[in-house]
Amino acid sequence: LVLKFAVAPFVDRHRLLPRLGHRRGWIVPTQALVSLAIAAMALLDPSQ
């Protein structure tokens, strides 16, 4: 969250999924992967 300024120009410059549009093309896949990673936490114990 502190260092994200270093990659901000890359996000402004490039389209990850052009069919979805510029900003939407970044938001949809990253948030979907975030939700998947949260679900993966359910497979672990809080002590791990």
ModelCIF file with pLDDT and N, C-alpha, C, O atoms, coordinates in Angstrom:
data_MODEL
#
_entry.id   MODEL 
#
_entity.id                         1 
_entity.type                       polymer 
_entity.pdbx_number_of_molecules   1 
#
_entity_poly.entity_id                      1 
_entity_poly.type                           'polypeptide(L)' 
_entity_poly.nstd_linkage                   no 
_entity_poly.nstd_monomer                   no 
_entity_poly.pdbx_seq_one_letter_code       LVLKFAVAPFVDRHRLLPRLGHRRGWIVPTQALVSLAIAAMALLDPSQ 
_entity_poly.pdbx_seq_one_letter_code_can   LVLKFAVAPFVDRHRLLPRLGHRRGWIVPTQALVSLAIAAMALLDPSQ 
_entity_poly.pdbx_strand_id                 A 
#
loop_
_entity_poly_seq.entity_id 
_entity_poly_seq.num 
_entity_poly_seq.mon_id 
_entity_poly_seq.hetero 
1 1  LEU n 
1 2  VAL n 
1 3  LEU n 
1 4  LYS n 
1 5  PHE n 
1 6  ALA n 
1 7  VAL n 
1 8  ALA n 
1 9  PRO n 
1 10 PHE n 
1 11 VAL n 
1 12 ASP n 
1 13 ARG n 
1 14 HIS n 
1 15 ARG n 
1 16 LEU n 
1 17 LEU n 
1 18 PRO n 
1 19 ARG n 
1 20 LEU n 
1 21 GLY n 
1 22 HIS n 
1 23 ARG n 
1 24 ARG n 
1 25 GLY n 
1 26 TRP n 
1 27 ILE n 
1 28 VAL n 
1 29 PRO n 
1 30 THR n 
1 31 GLN n 
1 32 ALA n 
1 33 LEU n 
1 34 VAL n 
1 35 SER n 
1 36 LEU n 
1 37 ALA n 
1 38 ILE n 
1 39 ALA n 
1 40 ALA n 
1 41 MET n 
1 42 ALA n 
1 43 LEU n 
1 44 LEU n 
1 45 ASP n 
1 46 PRO n 
1 47 SER n 
1 48 GLN n 
#
_struct_asym.id          A 
_struct_asym.entity_id   1 
#
loop_
_ma_qa_metric.id 
_ma_qa_metric.mode 
_ma_qa_metric.name 
_ma_qa_metric.software_group_id 
_ma_qa_metric.type 
1 global pLDDT . pLDDT 
2 local  pLDDT . pLDDT 
#
_ma_qa_metric_global.metric_id      1 
_ma_qa_metric_global.metric_value   91.15 
_ma_qa_metric_global.model_id       1 
_ma_qa_metric_global.ordinal_id     1 
#
loop_
_ma_qa_metric_local.label_asym_id 
_ma_qa_metric_local.label_comp_id 
_ma_qa_metric_local.label_seq_id 
_ma_qa_metric_local.metric_id 
_ma_qa_metric_local.metric_value 
_ma_qa_metric_local.model_id 
_ma_qa_metric_local.ordinal_id 
A LEU 1  2 85.00 1 1  
A VAL 2  2 87.00 1 2  
A LEU 3  2 90.00 1 3  
A LYS 4  2 92.00 1 4  
A PHE 5  2 90.00 1 5  
A ALA 6  2 91.00 1 6  
A VAL 7  2 92.00 1 7  
A ALA 8  2 92.00 1 8  
A PRO 9  2 92.00 1 9  
A PHE 10 2 92.00 1 10 
A VAL 11 2 92.00 1 11 
A ASP 12 2 90.00 1 12 
A ARG 13 2 89.00 1 13 
A HIS 14 2 88.00 1 14 
A ARG 15 2 88.00 1 15 
A LEU 16 2 88.00 1 16 
A LEU 17 2 87.00 1 17 
A PRO 18 2 86.00 1 18 
A ARG 19 2 88.00 1 19 
A LEU 20 2 87.00 1 20 
A GLY 21 2 87.00 1 21 
A HIS 22 2 89.00 1 22 
A ARG 23 2 90.00 1 23 
A ARG 24 2 91.00 1 24 
A GLY 25 2 92.00 1 25 
A TRP 26 2 93.00 1 26 
A ILE 27 2 93.00 1 27 
A VAL 28 2 93.00 1 28 
A PRO 29 2 94.00 1 29 
A THR 30 2 94.00 1 30 
A GLN 31 2 93.00 1 31 
A ALA 32 2 93.00 1 32 
A LEU 33 2 95.00 1 33 
A VAL 34 2 94.00 1 34 
A SER 35 2 94.00 1 35 
A LEU 36 2 96.00 1 36 
A ALA 37 2 95.00 1 37 
A ILE 38 2 95.00 1 38 
A ALA 39 2 95.00 1 39 
A ALA 40 2 95.00 1 40 
A MET 41 2 95.00 1 41 
A ALA 42 2 94.00 1 42 
A LEU 43 2 94.00 1 43 
A LEU 44 2 92.00 1 44 
A ASP 45 2 90.00 1 45 
A PRO 46 2 88.00 1 46 
A SER 47 2 87.00 1 47 
A GLN 48 2 88.00 1 48 
#
loop_
_atom_site.group_PDB 
_atom_site.id 
_atom_site.type_symbol 
_atom_site.label_atom_id 
_atom_site.label_alt_id 
_atom_site.label_comp_id 
_atom_site.label_asym_id 
_atom_site.label_entity_id 
_atom_site.label_seq_id 
_atom_site.pdbx_PDB_ins_code 
_atom_site.Cartn_x 
_atom_site.Cartn_y 
_atom_site.Cartn_z 
_atom_site.occupancy 
_atom_site.B_iso_or_equiv 
_atom_site.pdbx_formal_charge 
_atom_site.auth_seq_id 
_atom_site.auth_comp_id 
_atom_site.auth_asym_id 
_atom_site.auth_atom_id 
_atom_site.pdbx_PDB_model_num 
ATOM 1   N N  . LEU A 1 1  ? 0.824   -1.203  0.000   1.00 85.00 ? 1  LEU A N  1 
ATOM 2   C CA . LEU A 1 1  ? 0.000   0.000   0.000   1.00 85.00 ? 1  LEU A CA 1 
ATOM 3   C C  . LEU A 1 1  ? 0.861   1.257   0.000   1.00 85.00 ? 1  LEU A C  1 
ATOM 4   O O  . LEU A 1 1  ? 0.437   2.306   -0.484  1.00 85.00 ? 1  LEU A O  1 
ATOM 5   N N  . VAL A 1 2  ? 2.082   1.147   0.548   1.00 87.00 ? 2  VAL A N  1 
ATOM 6   C CA . VAL A 1 2  ? 2.986   2.285   0.605   1.00 87.00 ? 2  VAL A CA 1 
ATOM 7   C C  . VAL A 1 2  ? 3.766   2.441   -0.703  1.00 87.00 ? 2  VAL A C  1 
ATOM 8   O O  . VAL A 1 2  ? 4.046   3.556   -1.142  1.00 87.00 ? 2  VAL A O  1 
ATOM 9   N N  . LEU A 1 3  ? 4.111   1.309   -1.315  1.00 90.00 ? 3  LEU A N  1 
ATOM 10  C CA . LEU A 1 3  ? 4.994   1.316   -2.488  1.00 90.00 ? 3  LEU A CA 1 
ATOM 11  C C  . LEU A 1 3  ? 4.244   1.239   -3.811  1.00 90.00 ? 3  LEU A C  1 
ATOM 12  O O  . LEU A 1 3  ? 4.871   1.169   -4.868  1.00 90.00 ? 3  LEU A O  1 
ATOM 13  N N  . LYS A 1 4  ? 2.927   1.250   -3.773  1.00 92.00 ? 4  LYS A N  1 
ATOM 14  C CA . LYS A 1 4  ? 2.168   1.058   -5.010  1.00 92.00 ? 4  LYS A CA 1 
ATOM 15  C C  . LYS A 1 4  ? 2.367   2.189   -6.014  1.00 92.00 ? 4  LYS A C  1 
ATOM 16  O O  . LYS A 1 4  ? 2.072   2.021   -7.197  1.00 92.00 ? 4  LYS A O  1 
ATOM 17  N N  . PHE A 1 5  ? 2.868   3.349   -5.556  1.00 90.00 ? 5  PHE A N  1 
ATOM 18  C CA . PHE A 1 5  ? 3.118   4.451   -6.498  1.00 90.00 ? 5  PHE A CA 1 
ATOM 19  C C  . PHE A 1 5  ? 4.115   4.035   -7.580  1.00 90.00 ? 5  PHE A C  1 
ATOM 20  O O  . PHE A 1 5  ? 4.103   4.585   -8.681  1.00 90.00 ? 5  PHE A O  1 
ATOM 21  N N  . ALA A 1 6  ? 4.990   3.050   -7.262  1.00 91.00 ? 6  ALA A N  1 
ATOM 22  C CA . ALA A 1 6  ? 6.008   2.637   -8.225  1.00 91.00 ? 6  ALA A CA 1 
ATOM 23  C C  . ALA A 1 6  ? 5.404   1.938   -9.444  1.00 91.00 ? 6  ALA A C  1 
ATOM 24  O O  . ALA A 1 6  ? 5.961   2.004   -10.540 1.00 91.00 ? 6  ALA A O  1 
ATOM 25  N N  . VAL A 1 7  ? 4.255   1.263   -9.251  1.00 92.00 ? 7  VAL A N  1 
ATOM 26  C CA . VAL A 1 7  ? 3.625   0.547   -10.374 1.00 92.00 ? 7  VAL A CA 1 
ATOM 27  C C  . VAL A 1 7  ? 2.417   1.295   -10.924 1.00 92.00 ? 7  VAL A C  1 
ATOM 28  O O  . VAL A 1 7  ? 1.804   0.854   -11.896 1.00 92.00 ? 7  VAL A O  1 
ATOM 29  N N  . ALA A 1 8  ? 2.072   2.425   -10.306 1.00 92.00 ? 8  ALA A N  1 
ATOM 30  C CA . ALA A 1 8  ? 0.911   3.178   -10.770 1.00 92.00 ? 8  ALA A CA 1 
ATOM 31  C C  . ALA A 1 8  ? 1.028   3.601   -12.236 1.00 92.00 ? 8  ALA A C  1 
ATOM 32  O O  . ALA A 1 8  ? 0.038   3.506   -12.962 1.00 92.00 ? 8  ALA A O  1 
ATOM 33  N N  . PRO A 1 9  ? 2.196   4.065   -12.707 1.00 92.00 ? 9  PRO A N  1 
ATOM 34  C CA . PRO A 1 9  ? 2.283   4.415   -14.135 1.00 92.00 ? 9  PRO A CA 1 
ATOM 35  C C  . PRO A 1 9  ? 2.006   3.230   -15.053 1.00 92.00 ? 9  PRO A C  1 
ATOM 36  O O  . PRO A 1 9  ? 1.444   3.402   -16.135 1.00 92.00 ? 9  PRO A O  1 
ATOM 37  N N  . PHE A 1 10 ? 2.396   2.029   -14.629 1.00 92.00 ? 10 PHE A N  1 
ATOM 38  C CA . PHE A 1 10 ? 2.145   0.831   -15.439 1.00 92.00 ? 10 PHE A CA 1 
ATOM 39  C C  . PHE A 1 10 ? 0.639   0.593   -15.587 1.00 92.00 ? 10 PHE A C  1 
ATOM 40  O O  . PHE A 1 10 ? 0.157   0.272   -16.673 1.00 92.00 ? 10 PHE A O  1 
ATOM 41  N N  . VAL A 1 11 ? -0.103  0.756   -14.471 1.00 92.00 ? 11 VAL A N  1 
ATOM 42  C CA . VAL A 1 11 ? -1.550  0.568   -14.516 1.00 92.00 ? 11 VAL A CA 1 
ATOM 43  C C  . VAL A 1 11 ? -2.205  1.654   -15.362 1.00 92.00 ? 11 VAL A C  1 
ATOM 44  O O  . VAL A 1 11 ? -3.147  1.376   -16.104 1.00 92.00 ? 11 VAL A O  1 
ATOM 45  N N  . ASP A 1 12 ? -1.715  2.885   -15.258 1.00 90.00 ? 12 ASP A N  1 
ATOM 46  C CA . ASP A 1 12 ? -2.256  3.986   -16.072 1.00 90.00 ? 12 ASP A CA 1 
ATOM 47  C C  . ASP A 1 12 ? -1.958  3.793   -17.558 1.00 90.00 ? 12 ASP A C  1 
ATOM 48  O O  . ASP A 1 12 ? -2.720  4.235   -18.418 1.00 90.00 ? 12 ASP A O  1 
ATOM 49  N N  . ARG A 1 13 ? -0.850  3.136   -17.844 1.00 89.00 ? 13 ARG A N  1 
ATOM 50  C CA . ARG A 1 13 ? -0.360  3.054   -19.218 1.00 89.00 ? 13 ARG A CA 1 
ATOM 51  C C  . ARG A 1 13 ? -0.925  1.865   -19.985 1.00 89.00 ? 13 ARG A C  1 
ATOM 52  O O  . ARG A 1 13 ? -1.135  1.950   -21.195 1.00 89.00 ? 13 ARG A O  1 
ATOM 53  N N  . HIS A 1 14 ? -1.172  0.757   -19.288 1.00 88.00 ? 14 HIS A N  1 
ATOM 54  C CA . HIS A 1 14 ? -1.517  -0.492  -19.961 1.00 88.00 ? 14 HIS A CA 1 
ATOM 55  C C  . HIS A 1 14 ? -2.915  -0.981  -19.582 1.00 88.00 ? 14 HIS A C  1 
ATOM 56  O O  . HIS A 1 14 ? -3.424  -0.677  -18.503 1.00 88.00 ? 14 HIS A O  1 
ATOM 57  N N  . ARG A 1 15 ? -3.521  -1.739  -20.489 1.00 88.00 ? 15 ARG A N  1 
ATOM 58  C CA . ARG A 1 15 ? -4.817  -2.382  -20.252 1.00 88.00 ? 15 ARG A CA 1 
ATOM 59  C C  . ARG A 1 15 ? -4.591  -3.863  -20.032 1.00 88.00 ? 15 ARG A C  1 
ATOM 60  O O  . ARG A 1 15 ? -4.007  -4.537  -20.881 1.00 88.00 ? 15 ARG A O  1 
ATOM 61  N N  . LEU A 1 16 ? -5.047  -4.378  -18.899 1.00 88.00 ? 16 LEU A N  1 
ATOM 62  C CA . LEU A 1 16 ? -4.847  -5.791  -18.583 1.00 88.00 ? 16 LEU A CA 1 
ATOM 63  C C  . LEU A 1 16 ? -5.787  -6.667  -19.391 1.00 88.00 ? 16 LEU A C  1 
ATOM 64  O O  . LEU A 1 16 ? -5.362  -7.648  -20.001 1.00 88.00 ? 16 LEU A O  1 
ATOM 65  N N  . LEU A 1 17 ? -7.077  -6.308  -19.395 1.00 87.00 ? 17 LEU A N  1 
ATOM 66  C CA . LEU A 1 17 ? -8.081  -7.017  -20.201 1.00 87.00 ? 17 LEU A CA 1 
ATOM 67  C C  . LEU A 1 17 ? -8.792  -5.972  -21.056 1.00 87.00 ? 17 LEU A C  1 
ATOM 68  O O  . LEU A 1 17 ? -9.804  -5.415  -20.630 1.00 87.00 ? 17 LEU A O  1 
ATOM 69  N N  . PRO A 1 18 ? -8.279  -5.697  -22.256 1.00 86.00 ? 18 PRO A N  1 
ATOM 70  C CA . PRO A 1 18 ? -8.806  -4.587  -23.078 1.00 86.00 ? 18 PRO A CA 1 
ATOM 71  C C  . PRO A 1 18 ? -10.298 -4.664  -23.349 1.00 86.00 ? 18 PRO A C  1 
ATOM 72  O O  . PRO A 1 18 ? -10.960 -3.632  -23.459 1.00 86.00 ? 18 PRO A O  1 
ATOM 73  N N  . ARG A 1 19 ? -10.834 -5.864  -23.458 1.00 88.00 ? 19 ARG A N  1 
ATOM 74  C CA . ARG A 1 19 ? -12.264 -5.983  -23.766 1.00 88.00 ? 19 ARG A CA 1 
ATOM 75  C C  . ARG A 1 19 ? -13.141 -5.402  -22.662 1.00 88.00 ? 19 ARG A C  1 
ATOM 76  O O  . ARG A 1 19 ? -14.266 -4.975  -22.920 1.00 88.00 ? 19 ARG A O  1 
ATOM 77  N N  . LEU A 1 20 ? -12.632 -5.384  -21.450 1.00 87.00 ? 20 LEU A N  1 
ATOM 78  C CA . LEU A 1 20 ? -13.402 -4.850  -20.322 1.00 87.00 ? 20 LEU A CA 1 
ATOM 79  C C  . LEU A 1 20 ? -13.232 -3.349  -20.155 1.00 87.00 ? 20 LEU A C  1 
ATOM 80  O O  . LEU A 1 20 ? -13.934 -2.732  -19.354 1.00 87.00 ? 20 LEU A O  1 
ATOM 81  N N  . GLY A 1 21 ? -12.311 -2.757  -20.899 1.00 87.00 ? 21 GLY A N  1 
ATOM 82  C CA . GLY A 1 21 ? -12.000 -1.346  -20.702 1.00 87.00 ? 21 GLY A CA 1 
ATOM 83  C C  . GLY A 1 21 ? -10.739 -1.199  -19.872 1.00 87.00 ? 21 GLY A C  1 
ATOM 84  O O  . GLY A 1 21 ? -10.217 -2.181  -19.345 1.00 87.00 ? 21 GLY A O  1 
ATOM 85  N N  . HIS A 1 22 ? -10.252 0.019   -19.755 1.00 89.00 ? 22 HIS A N  1 
ATOM 86  C CA . HIS A 1 22 ? -8.968  0.237   -19.093 1.00 89.00 ? 22 HIS A CA 1 
ATOM 87  C C  . HIS A 1 22 ? -9.049  -0.054  -17.590 1.00 89.00 ? 22 HIS A C  1 
ATOM 88  O O  . HIS A 1 22 ? -8.429  -1.007  -17.118 1.00 89.00 ? 22 HIS A O  1 
ATOM 89  N N  . ARG A 1 23 ? -9.800  0.747   -16.835 1.00 90.00 ? 23 ARG A N  1 
ATOM 90  C CA . ARG A 1 23 ? -9.855  0.567   -15.374 1.00 90.00 ? 23 ARG A CA 1 
ATOM 91  C C  . ARG A 1 23 ? -10.606 -0.708  -14.998 1.00 90.00 ? 23 ARG A C  1 
ATOM 92  O O  . ARG A 1 23 ? -10.164 -1.451  -14.121 1.00 90.00 ? 23 ARG A O  1 
ATOM 93  N N  . ARG A 1 24 ? -11.722 -0.963  -15.645 1.00 91.00 ? 24 ARG A N  1 
ATOM 94  C CA . ARG A 1 24 ? -12.495 -2.169  -15.336 1.00 91.00 ? 24 ARG A CA 1 
ATOM 95  C C  . ARG A 1 24 ? -11.654 -3.432  -15.592 1.00 91.00 ? 24 ARG A C  1 
ATOM 96  O O  . ARG A 1 24 ? -11.772 -4.427  -14.877 1.00 91.00 ? 24 ARG A O  1 
ATOM 97  N N  . GLY A 1 25 ? -10.804 -3.367  -16.627 1.00 92.00 ? 25 GLY A N  1 
ATOM 98  C CA . GLY A 1 25 ? -9.968  -4.505  -16.969 1.00 92.00 ? 25 GLY A CA 1 
ATOM 99  C C  . GLY A 1 25 ? -8.944  -4.848  -15.903 1.00 92.00 ? 25 GLY A C  1 
ATOM 100 O O  . GLY A 1 25 ? -8.452  -5.975  -15.862 1.00 92.00 ? 25 GLY A O  1 
ATOM 101 N N  . TRP A 1 26 ? -8.616  -3.902  -15.045 1.00 93.00 ? 26 TRP A N  1 
ATOM 102 C CA . TRP A 1 26 ? -7.753  -4.174  -13.889 1.00 93.00 ? 26 TRP A CA 1 
ATOM 103 C C  . TRP A 1 26 ? -8.576  -4.563  -12.658 1.00 93.00 ? 26 TRP A C  1 
ATOM 104 O O  . TRP A 1 26 ? -8.189  -5.456  -11.905 1.00 93.00 ? 26 TRP A O  1 
ATOM 105 N N  . ILE A 1 27 ? -9.702  -3.895  -12.461 1.00 93.00 ? 27 ILE A N  1 
ATOM 106 C CA . ILE A 1 27 ? -10.473 -4.086  -11.228 1.00 93.00 ? 27 ILE A CA 1 
ATOM 107 C C  . ILE A 1 27 ? -11.092 -5.476  -11.145 1.00 93.00 ? 27 ILE A C  1 
ATOM 108 O O  . ILE A 1 27 ? -11.003 -6.126  -10.104 1.00 93.00 ? 27 ILE A O  1 
ATOM 109 N N  . VAL A 1 28 ? -11.719 -5.944  -12.224 1.00 93.00 ? 28 VAL A N  1 
ATOM 110 C CA . VAL A 1 28 ? -12.438 -7.222  -12.183 1.00 93.00 ? 28 VAL A CA 1 
ATOM 111 C C  . VAL A 1 28 ? -11.510 -8.401  -11.888 1.00 93.00 ? 28 VAL A C  1 
ATOM 112 O O  . VAL A 1 28 ? -11.786 -9.148  -10.949 1.00 93.00 ? 28 VAL A O  1 
ATOM 113 N N  . PRO A 1 29 ? -10.422 -8.609  -12.643 1.00 94.00 ? 29 PRO A N  1 
ATOM 114 C CA . PRO A 1 29 ? -9.591  -9.784  -12.361 1.00 94.00 ? 29 PRO A CA 1 
ATOM 115 C C  . PRO A 1 29 ? -8.862  -9.716  -11.021 1.00 94.00 ? 29 PRO A C  1 
ATOM 116 O O  . PRO A 1 29 ? -8.722  -10.736 -10.347 1.00 94.00 ? 29 PRO A O  1 
ATOM 117 N N  . THR A 1 30 ? -8.396  -8.531  -10.624 1.00 94.00 ? 30 THR A N  1 
ATOM 118 C CA . THR A 1 30 ? -7.679  -8.453  -9.351  1.00 94.00 ? 30 THR A CA 1 
ATOM 119 C C  . THR A 1 30 ? -8.606  -8.721  -8.175  1.00 94.00 ? 30 THR A C  1 
ATOM 120 O O  . THR A 1 30 ? -8.223  -9.418  -7.235  1.00 94.00 ? 30 THR A O  1 
ATOM 121 N N  . GLN A 1 31 ? -9.830  -8.176  -8.212  1.00 93.00 ? 31 GLN A N  1 
ATOM 122 C CA . GLN A 1 31 ? -10.755 -8.404  -7.109  1.00 93.00 ? 31 GLN A CA 1 
ATOM 123 C C  . GLN A 1 31 ? -11.229 -9.851  -7.077  1.00 93.00 ? 31 GLN A C  1 
ATOM 124 O O  . GLN A 1 31 ? -11.436 -10.407 -5.999  1.00 93.00 ? 31 GLN A O  1 
ATOM 125 N N  . ALA A 1 32 ? -11.403 -10.469 -8.244  1.00 93.00 ? 32 ALA A N  1 
ATOM 126 C CA . ALA A 1 32 ? -11.794 -11.881 -8.283  1.00 93.00 ? 32 ALA A CA 1 
ATOM 127 C C  . ALA A 1 32 ? -10.711 -12.753 -7.656  1.00 93.00 ? 32 ALA A C  1 
ATOM 128 O O  . ALA A 1 32 ? -11.019 -13.691 -6.920  1.00 93.00 ? 32 ALA A O  1 
ATOM 129 N N  . LEU A 1 33 ? -9.443  -12.449 -7.942  1.00 95.00 ? 33 LEU A N  1 
ATOM 130 C CA . LEU A 1 33 ? -8.339  -13.206 -7.344  1.00 95.00 ? 33 LEU A CA 1 
ATOM 131 C C  . LEU A 1 33 ? -8.228  -12.945 -5.843  1.00 95.00 ? 33 LEU A C  1 
ATOM 132 O O  . LEU A 1 33 ? -7.879  -13.848 -5.082  1.00 95.00 ? 33 LEU A O  1 
ATOM 133 N N  . VAL A 1 34 ? -8.523  -11.717 -5.412  1.00 94.00 ? 34 VAL A N  1 
ATOM 134 C CA . VAL A 1 34 ? -8.540  -11.403 -3.978  1.00 94.00 ? 34 VAL A CA 1 
ATOM 135 C C  . VAL A 1 34 ? -9.569  -12.270 -3.256  1.00 94.00 ? 34 VAL A C  1 
ATOM 136 O O  . VAL A 1 34 ? -9.272  -12.847 -2.209  1.00 94.00 ? 34 VAL A O  1 
ATOM 137 N N  . SER A 1 35 ? -10.765 -12.363 -3.807  1.00 94.00 ? 35 SER A N  1 
ATOM 138 C CA . SER A 1 35 ? -11.821 -13.170 -3.192  1.00 94.00 ? 35 SER A CA 1 
ATOM 139 C C  . SER A 1 35 ? -11.424 -14.647 -3.149  1.00 94.00 ? 35 SER A C  1 
ATOM 140 O O  . SER A 1 35 ? -11.713 -15.350 -2.180  1.00 94.00 ? 35 SER A O  1 
ATOM 141 N N  . LEU A 1 36 ? -10.759 -15.105 -4.209  1.00 96.00 ? 36 LEU A N  1 
ATOM 142 C CA . LEU A 1 36 ? -10.292 -16.493 -4.240  1.00 96.00 ? 36 LEU A CA 1 
ATOM 143 C C  . LEU A 1 36 ? -9.229  -16.737 -3.164  1.00 96.00 ? 36 LEU A C  1 
ATOM 144 O O  . LEU A 1 36 ? -9.222  -17.785 -2.518  1.00 96.00 ? 36 LEU A O  1 
ATOM 145 N N  . ALA A 1 37 ? -8.335  -15.765 -2.977  1.00 95.00 ? 37 ALA A N  1 
ATOM 146 C CA . ALA A 1 37 ? -7.300  -15.900 -1.954  1.00 95.00 ? 37 ALA A CA 1 
ATOM 147 C C  . ALA A 1 37 ? -7.901  -15.886 -0.549  1.00 95.00 ? 37 ALA A C  1 
ATOM 148 O O  . ALA A 1 37 ? -7.439  -16.613 0.330   1.00 95.00 ? 37 ALA A O  1 
ATOM 149 N N  . ILE A 1 38 ? -8.927  -15.062 -0.334  1.00 95.00 ? 38 ILE A N  1 
ATOM 150 C CA . ILE A 1 38 ? -9.605  -15.069 0.968   1.00 95.00 ? 38 ILE A CA 1 
ATOM 151 C C  . ILE A 1 38 ? -10.246 -16.433 1.220   1.00 95.00 ? 38 ILE A C  1 
ATOM 152 O O  . ILE A 1 38 ? -10.163 -16.966 2.326   1.00 95.00 ? 38 ILE A O  1 
ATOM 153 N N  . ALA A 1 39 ? -10.885 -16.997 0.189   1.00 95.00 ? 39 ALA A N  1 
ATOM 154 C CA . ALA A 1 39 ? -11.488 -18.323 0.334   1.00 95.00 ? 39 ALA A CA 1 
ATOM 155 C C  . ALA A 1 39 ? -10.427 -19.360 0.679   1.00 95.00 ? 39 ALA A C  1 
ATOM 156 O O  . ALA A 1 39 ? -10.692 -20.279 1.453   1.00 95.00 ? 39 ALA A O  1 
ATOM 157 N N  . ALA A 1 40 ? -9.228  -19.225 0.114   1.00 95.00 ? 40 ALA A N  1 
ATOM 158 C CA . ALA A 1 40 ? -8.145  -20.165 0.406   1.00 95.00 ? 40 ALA A CA 1 
ATOM 159 C C  . ALA A 1 40 ? -7.718  -20.094 1.876   1.00 95.00 ? 40 ALA A C  1 
ATOM 160 O O  . ALA A 1 40 ? -7.224  -21.080 2.422   1.00 95.00 ? 40 ALA A O  1 
ATOM 161 N N  . MET A 1 41 ? -7.905  -18.940 2.519   1.00 95.00 ? 41 MET A N  1 
ATOM 162 C CA . MET A 1 41 ? -7.581  -18.811 3.940   1.00 95.00 ? 41 MET A CA 1 
ATOM 163 C C  . MET A 1 41 ? -8.431  -19.730 4.799   1.00 95.00 ? 41 MET A C  1 
ATOM 164 O O  . MET A 1 41 ? -8.022  -20.120 5.893   1.00 95.00 ? 41 MET A O  1 
ATOM 165 N N  . ALA A 1 42 ? -9.625  -20.080 4.301   1.00 94.00 ? 42 ALA A N  1 
ATOM 166 C CA . ALA A 1 42 ? -10.518 -20.971 5.050   1.00 94.00 ? 42 ALA A CA 1 
ATOM 167 C C  . ALA A 1 42 ? -9.932  -22.371 5.196   1.00 94.00 ? 42 ALA A C  1 
ATOM 168 O O  . ALA A 1 42 ? -10.334 -23.126 6.081   1.00 94.00 ? 42 ALA A O  1 
ATOM 169 N N  . LEU A 1 43 ? -8.981  -22.717 4.329   1.00 94.00 ? 43 LEU A N  1 
ATOM 170 C CA . LEU A 1 43 ? -8.352  -24.033 4.381   1.00 94.00 ? 43 LEU A CA 1 
ATOM 171 C C  . LEU A 1 43 ? -7.273  -24.102 5.451   1.00 94.00 ? 43 LEU A C  1 
ATOM 172 O O  . LEU A 1 43 ? -6.763  -25.181 5.754   1.00 94.00 ? 43 LEU A O  1 
ATOM 173 N N  . LEU A 1 44 ? -6.922  -22.953 6.025   1.00 92.00 ? 44 LEU A N  1 
ATOM 174 C CA . LEU A 1 44 ? -5.853  -22.884 7.015   1.00 92.00 ? 44 LEU A CA 1 
ATOM 175 C C  . LEU A 1 44 ? -6.429  -22.674 8.404   1.00 92.00 ? 44 LEU A C  1 
ATOM 176 O O  . LEU A 1 44 ? -7.613  -22.377 8.567   1.00 92.00 ? 44 LEU A O  1 
ATOM 177 N N  . ASP A 1 45 ? -5.575  -22.833 9.392   1.00 90.00 ? 45 ASP A N  1 
ATOM 178 C CA . ASP A 1 45 ? -5.926  -22.529 10.782  1.00 90.00 ? 45 ASP A CA 1 
ATOM 179 C C  . ASP A 1 45 ? -5.363  -21.146 11.124  1.00 90.00 ? 45 ASP A C  1 
ATOM 180 O O  . ASP A 1 45 ? -4.291  -20.793 10.630  1.00 90.00 ? 45 ASP A O  1 
ATOM 181 N N  . PRO A 1 46 ? -6.049  -20.357 11.950  1.00 88.00 ? 46 PRO A N  1 
ATOM 182 C CA . PRO A 1 46 ? -5.532  -19.026 12.283  1.00 88.00 ? 46 PRO A CA 1 
ATOM 183 C C  . PRO A 1 46 ? -4.141  -19.030 12.910  1.00 88.00 ? 46 PRO A C  1 
ATOM 184 O O  . PRO A 1 46 ? -3.477  -17.994 12.931  1.00 88.00 ? 46 PRO A O  1 
ATOM 185 N N  . SER A 1 47 ? -3.689  -20.173 13.421  1.00 87.00 ? 47 SER A N  1 
ATOM 186 C CA . SER A 1 47 ? -2.356  -20.242 14.026  1.00 87.00 ? 47 SER A CA 1 
ATOM 187 C C  . SER A 1 47 ? -1.249  -20.405 12.998  1.00 87.00 ? 47 SER A C  1 
ATOM 188 O O  . SER A 1 47 ? -0.074  -20.264 13.337  1.00 87.00 ? 47 SER A O  1 
ATOM 189 N N  . GLN A 1 48 ? -1.592  -20.698 11.754  1.00 88.00 ? 48 GLN A N  1 
ATOM 190 C CA . GLN A 1 48 ? -0.593  -20.936 10.701  1.00 88.00 ? 48 GLN A CA 1 
ATOM 191 C C  . GLN A 1 48 ? -0.147  -19.599 10.104  1.00 88.00 ? 48 GLN A C  1 
ATOM 192 O O  . GLN A 1 48 ? 0.690   -19.574 9.202   1.00 88.00 ? 48 GLN A O  1 
#
